[in-house]
Amino acid sequence: MDSIQKADPKARRNAILMISAAMILGVCVILVFEVFQEDFQSWLETNIIFLLKHPKIVFFGTLLFVSPILAVGIYLLLFGSRTVHAQRFPPPGYSVVRDTVVVEGPQALRRGRVIQFLSLFLLCAAAALPLAMWHVFQSFASAT
C-alpha cells in the first residue's frame, strides 16, 4: 500500500504568499517597463557606443535579468538530486501543500532524473542569454 505524506498548512500558506508576492513583483516590473520604455530606448540610443565598447556591462545587466530563472534552476537541480539520492519523491524533509502519494524506488529515481535534466536545460537556456548578448555586442564592437 502506498504511503501518503500529509499536507502542511504552513507550507501551503507560505506557497500562496510567495506566489502572490512574485506575481505582484512581476506586475510591478512590467508596469515600470511600460512607463519607462521610451526613456529606456532613448538611453540605449544615446549610450549604444559606450555599451559596444563595454560588452561586459551588457553581460552583467542581462545576467541580472535572468538571475531569478537561474535561482529556480539551481533549486530544481538540488531538489532532483535529493530525490535521486533518497530514491523517494517527495524527498525526506520537504513539506507538501496537499496530500501526496510517496513514490519510492525506480519511479522516484526516474522523476528525480527528469527534474535534473529539465533543470539543467533551464540553466543552460538562462545562461545562454547573457553569453549571447555579450557575443553580439562584442562582435559589433570589433566590426566597428
Foldseek 3Di string as FASTA:
>chain_A
DWDKAAADQVVLVVVVVVVVVVVVVVVVVVVVCVVCVVVVVVVCVVCVLVCLVPVVVLLVVLCVVLVVLLVVLVVLLVQLVQQLVQQKPRHPPDHHRHIGTIGGDPVSNVVSVVSNVVSVVSNVVSNVVSVVSSVVSPVVSVVD
